Amino acid sequence: MKKDVKELTRIFDVLSNEVRLCILLKLMNEEEKNVTYLQQCTNVSQSMVSQQLAKLKAQGIITCKKQGNEVHYRIKDNKIKDMLKMFV
């Protein structure tokens, strides 16, 4: 039980940031997106989006792959998608 609580605390901490939550909501409905697309939908700087993507990646919530000069991101953890679907 304690492990589950720690995991939920980690997830809620990640979701408590407006930019990260916006990114995850966009990725929830899309297969993969690049930083430029995510920057346009969040209305913050590209560097801010990149910083938030790095935090999401470090937490194991998203993954990325390089395609040419672009990096495409997607949600790695389906538990996050399921959780977000409960609220949207």
N, C-alpha and C. Protein backbone atom coordinates (compact mmCIF):
# COMPACT_ATOMS: atom_id res chain seq x y z
N MET A 1 0.82 -1.20 0.00
CA MET A 1 0.00 0.00 0.00
C MET A 1 0.86 1.26 0.00
N LYS A 2 1.93 1.27 0.80
CA LYS A 2 2.79 2.45 0.87
C LYS A 2 3.41 2.75 -0.49
N LYS A 3 3.78 1.71 -1.24
CA LYS A 3 4.35 1.90 -2.57
C LYS A 3 3.32 2.55 -3.50
N ASP A 4 2.06 2.13 -3.42
CA ASP A 4 1.00 2.71 -4.24
C ASP A 4 0.80 4.18 -3.92
N VAL A 5 0.86 4.52 -2.66
CA VAL A 5 0.69 5.92 -2.25
C VAL A 5 1.84 6.76 -2.78
N LYS A 6 3.04 6.24 -2.70
CA LYS A 6 4.20 6.98 -3.23
C LYS A 6 4.06 7.19 -4.73
N GLU A 7 3.62 6.16 -5.44
CA GLU A 7 3.44 6.26 -6.89
C GLU A 7 2.38 7.31 -7.23
N LEU A 8 1.26 7.29 -6.52
CA LEU A 8 0.21 8.28 -6.76
C LEU A 8 0.68 9.69 -6.43
N THR A 9 1.44 9.82 -5.38
CA THR A 9 1.99 11.13 -5.02
C THR A 9 2.88 11.66 -6.13
N ARG A 10 3.71 10.80 -6.69
CA ARG A 10 4.60 11.18 -7.79
C ARG A 10 3.79 11.62 -9.00
N ILE A 11 2.77 10.85 -9.35
CA ILE A 11 1.95 11.17 -10.51
C ILE A 11 1.20 12.48 -10.30
N PHE A 12 0.59 12.65 -9.15
CA PHE A 12 -0.15 13.89 -8.88
C PHE A 12 0.78 15.10 -8.86
N ASP A 13 1.99 14.91 -8.38
CA ASP A 13 2.97 16.00 -8.40
C ASP A 13 3.26 16.42 -9.84
N VAL A 14 3.44 15.45 -10.72
CA VAL A 14 3.69 15.75 -12.14
C VAL A 14 2.49 16.44 -12.76
N LEU A 15 1.30 15.96 -12.45
CA LEU A 15 0.08 16.52 -13.04
C LEU A 15 -0.29 17.88 -12.47
N SER A 16 0.31 18.29 -11.37
CA SER A 16 -0.06 19.55 -10.74
C SER A 16 0.48 20.78 -11.47
N ASN A 17 1.32 20.58 -12.46
CA ASN A 17 1.85 21.69 -13.24
C ASN A 17 1.00 21.89 -14.48
N GLU A 18 0.54 23.12 -14.70
CA GLU A 18 -0.37 23.42 -15.81
C GLU A 18 0.22 23.09 -17.18
N VAL A 19 1.48 23.41 -17.40
CA VAL A 19 2.11 23.14 -18.69
C VAL A 19 2.25 21.64 -18.91
N ARG A 20 2.72 20.92 -17.89
CA ARG A 20 2.86 19.47 -18.04
C ARG A 20 1.51 18.81 -18.27
N LEU A 21 0.50 19.26 -17.56
CA LEU A 21 -0.84 18.70 -17.75
C LEU A 21 -1.35 18.97 -19.15
N CYS A 22 -1.14 20.17 -19.66
CA CYS A 22 -1.56 20.51 -21.02
C CYS A 22 -0.84 19.62 -22.04
N ILE A 23 0.45 19.42 -21.84
CA ILE A 23 1.24 18.56 -22.73
C ILE A 23 0.65 17.14 -22.73
N LEU A 24 0.39 16.62 -21.55
CA LEU A 24 -0.13 15.26 -21.45
C LEU A 24 -1.52 15.14 -22.06
N LEU A 25 -2.35 16.15 -21.89
CA LEU A 25 -3.67 16.11 -22.51
C LEU A 25 -3.58 16.11 -24.03
N LYS A 26 -2.64 16.87 -24.57
CA LYS A 26 -2.44 16.86 -26.02
C LYS A 26 -1.90 15.52 -26.50
N LEU A 27 -0.96 14.98 -25.76
CA LEU A 27 -0.38 13.69 -26.15
C LEU A 27 -1.36 12.54 -25.96
N MET A 28 -2.31 12.72 -25.06
CA MET A 28 -3.30 11.68 -24.81
C MET A 28 -4.13 11.42 -26.07
N ASN A 29 -4.42 12.47 -26.81
CA ASN A 29 -5.28 12.37 -27.99
C ASN A 29 -4.51 12.20 -29.29
N GLU A 30 -3.21 12.31 -29.23
CA GLU A 30 -2.37 12.22 -30.42
C GLU A 30 -1.38 11.08 -30.25
N GLU A 31 -0.97 10.51 -31.35
CA GLU A 31 0.02 9.43 -31.27
C GLU A 31 1.38 9.96 -30.81
N GLU A 32 1.91 10.91 -31.54
CA GLU A 32 3.21 11.51 -31.21
C GLU A 32 3.21 12.96 -31.67
N LYS A 33 3.89 13.81 -30.94
CA LYS A 33 3.99 15.21 -31.33
C LYS A 33 5.37 15.74 -31.00
N ASN A 34 5.78 16.77 -31.76
CA ASN A 34 7.09 17.38 -31.52
C ASN A 34 6.95 18.60 -30.61
N VAL A 35 8.08 19.17 -30.22
CA VAL A 35 8.10 20.30 -29.30
C VAL A 35 7.37 21.50 -29.90
N THR A 36 7.55 21.76 -31.17
CA THR A 36 6.92 22.92 -31.80
C THR A 36 5.40 22.84 -31.69
N TYR A 37 4.83 21.69 -31.97
CA TYR A 37 3.37 21.52 -31.85
C TYR A 37 2.94 21.74 -30.40
N LEU A 38 3.66 21.14 -29.47
CA LEU A 38 3.28 21.25 -28.06
C LEU A 38 3.46 22.68 -27.55
N GLN A 39 4.42 23.39 -28.07
CA GLN A 39 4.63 24.78 -27.68
C GLN A 39 3.46 25.63 -28.13
N GLN A 40 2.95 25.40 -29.31
CA GLN A 40 1.82 26.17 -29.84
C GLN A 40 0.56 25.94 -29.01
N CYS A 41 0.36 24.75 -28.54
CA CYS A 41 -0.87 24.46 -27.78
C CYS A 41 -0.78 24.90 -26.33
N THR A 42 0.40 25.17 -25.81
CA THR A 42 0.54 25.54 -24.41
C THR A 42 0.70 27.04 -24.21
N ASN A 43 1.03 27.77 -25.26
CA ASN A 43 1.24 29.22 -25.19
C ASN A 43 2.36 29.63 -24.24
N VAL A 44 3.39 28.81 -24.16
CA VAL A 44 4.60 29.17 -23.41
C VAL A 44 5.79 28.99 -24.35
N SER A 45 6.94 29.42 -23.91
CA SER A 45 8.13 29.34 -24.75
C SER A 45 8.52 27.89 -25.05
N GLN A 46 9.25 27.72 -26.14
CA GLN A 46 9.71 26.39 -26.52
C GLN A 46 10.66 25.83 -25.47
N SER A 47 11.48 26.70 -24.87
CA SER A 47 12.40 26.21 -23.84
C SER A 47 11.64 25.73 -22.60
N MET A 48 10.54 26.39 -22.26
CA MET A 48 9.72 25.95 -21.12
C MET A 48 9.09 24.59 -21.42
N VAL A 49 8.59 24.41 -22.64
CA VAL A 49 8.01 23.12 -23.03
C VAL A 49 9.09 22.04 -22.95
N SER A 50 10.27 22.35 -23.46
CA SER A 50 11.37 21.38 -23.43
C SER A 50 11.73 21.00 -22.00
N GLN A 51 11.75 21.97 -21.10
CA GLN A 51 12.05 21.69 -19.69
C GLN A 51 10.99 20.77 -19.08
N GLN A 52 9.74 21.03 -19.39
CA GLN A 52 8.66 20.22 -18.84
C GLN A 52 8.66 18.81 -19.45
N LEU A 53 8.98 18.73 -20.73
CA LEU A 53 9.10 17.41 -21.38
C LEU A 53 10.22 16.60 -20.73
N ALA A 54 11.32 17.26 -20.40
CA ALA A 54 12.44 16.57 -19.74
C ALA A 54 12.00 16.02 -18.38
N LYS A 55 11.19 16.79 -17.64
CA LYS A 55 10.71 16.32 -16.34
C LYS A 55 9.78 15.13 -16.52
N LEU A 56 8.90 15.20 -17.51
CA LEU A 56 7.99 14.08 -17.78
C LEU A 56 8.76 12.83 -18.18
N LYS A 57 9.79 13.02 -18.98
CA LYS A 57 10.61 11.89 -19.42
C LYS A 57 11.38 11.29 -18.24
N ALA A 58 11.92 12.15 -17.39
CA ALA A 58 12.68 11.68 -16.23
C ALA A 58 11.79 10.87 -15.28
N GLN A 59 10.51 11.18 -15.23
CA GLN A 59 9.57 10.46 -14.37
C GLN A 59 9.04 9.19 -15.04
N GLY A 60 9.44 8.95 -16.30
CA GLY A 60 9.01 7.73 -16.99
C GLY A 60 7.59 7.80 -17.52
N ILE A 61 7.05 9.00 -17.64
CA ILE A 61 5.67 9.16 -18.10
C ILE A 61 5.60 9.27 -19.61
N ILE A 62 6.60 9.88 -20.21
CA ILE A 62 6.65 9.98 -21.67
C ILE A 62 7.94 9.37 -22.18
N THR A 63 7.95 9.11 -23.46
CA THR A 63 9.15 8.63 -24.13
C THR A 63 9.29 9.43 -25.42
N CYS A 64 10.43 9.35 -26.04
CA CYS A 64 10.63 10.11 -27.27
C CYS A 64 11.46 9.30 -28.26
N LYS A 65 11.33 9.71 -29.51
CA LYS A 65 12.20 9.13 -30.54
C LYS A 65 12.54 10.22 -31.52
N LYS A 66 13.74 10.16 -32.03
CA LYS A 66 14.22 11.17 -32.96
C LYS A 66 13.87 10.74 -34.38
N GLN A 67 13.29 11.68 -35.13
CA GLN A 67 12.98 11.47 -36.54
C GLN A 67 13.59 12.62 -37.32
N GLY A 68 14.73 12.35 -37.94
CA GLY A 68 15.46 13.43 -38.62
C GLY A 68 15.94 14.44 -37.60
N ASN A 69 15.56 15.71 -37.80
CA ASN A 69 15.97 16.77 -36.88
C ASN A 69 14.96 16.97 -35.74
N GLU A 70 13.86 16.26 -35.76
CA GLU A 70 12.82 16.45 -34.76
C GLU A 70 12.79 15.31 -33.75
N VAL A 71 12.35 15.65 -32.56
CA VAL A 71 12.11 14.66 -31.53
C VAL A 71 10.61 14.60 -31.31
N HIS A 72 10.06 13.40 -31.36
CA HIS A 72 8.62 13.20 -31.19
C HIS A 72 8.38 12.51 -29.85
N TYR A 73 7.39 13.03 -29.14
CA TYR A 73 7.08 12.55 -27.80
C TYR A 73 5.74 11.84 -27.77
N ARG A 74 5.62 10.87 -26.87
CA ARG A 74 4.35 10.18 -26.67
C ARG A 74 4.29 9.72 -25.22
N ILE A 75 3.08 9.48 -24.75
CA ILE A 75 2.90 8.99 -23.38
C ILE A 75 3.32 7.53 -23.33
N LYS A 76 4.18 7.23 -22.40
CA LYS A 76 4.71 5.88 -22.24
C LYS A 76 3.86 5.05 -21.29
N ASP A 77 3.33 5.71 -20.28
CA ASP A 77 2.62 5.03 -19.20
C ASP A 77 1.11 5.11 -19.46
N ASN A 78 0.48 4.01 -19.83
CA ASN A 78 -0.95 4.01 -20.13
C ASN A 78 -1.80 4.29 -18.91
N LYS A 79 -1.26 4.11 -17.71
CA LYS A 79 -2.01 4.46 -16.50
C LYS A 79 -2.32 5.96 -16.49
N ILE A 80 -1.40 6.74 -17.02
CA ILE A 80 -1.60 8.18 -17.08
C ILE A 80 -2.76 8.50 -18.03
N LYS A 81 -2.78 7.86 -19.19
CA LYS A 81 -3.88 8.07 -20.13
C LYS A 81 -5.21 7.72 -19.49
N ASP A 82 -5.26 6.59 -18.82
CA ASP A 82 -6.50 6.17 -18.16
C ASP A 82 -6.93 7.16 -17.10
N MET A 83 -5.97 7.66 -16.34
CA MET A 83 -6.28 8.62 -15.29
C MET A 83 -6.81 9.92 -15.89
N LEU A 84 -6.18 10.41 -16.94
CA LEU A 84 -6.61 11.65 -17.57
C LEU A 84 -8.00 11.51 -18.19
N LYS A 85 -8.29 10.36 -18.75
CA LYS A 85 -9.60 10.14 -19.37
C LYS A 85 -10.73 10.23 -18.35
N MET A 86 -10.45 9.97 -17.11
CA MET A 86 -11.48 10.06 -16.07
C MET A 86 -11.92 11.50 -15.84
N PHE A 87 -11.06 12.45 -16.19
CA PHE A 87 -11.34 13.86 -15.87
C PHE A 87 -11.66 14.71 -17.08
N VAL A 88 -11.47 14.18 -18.27
CA VAL A 88 -11.77 14.97 -19.49
C VAL A 88 -12.80 14.27 -20.34
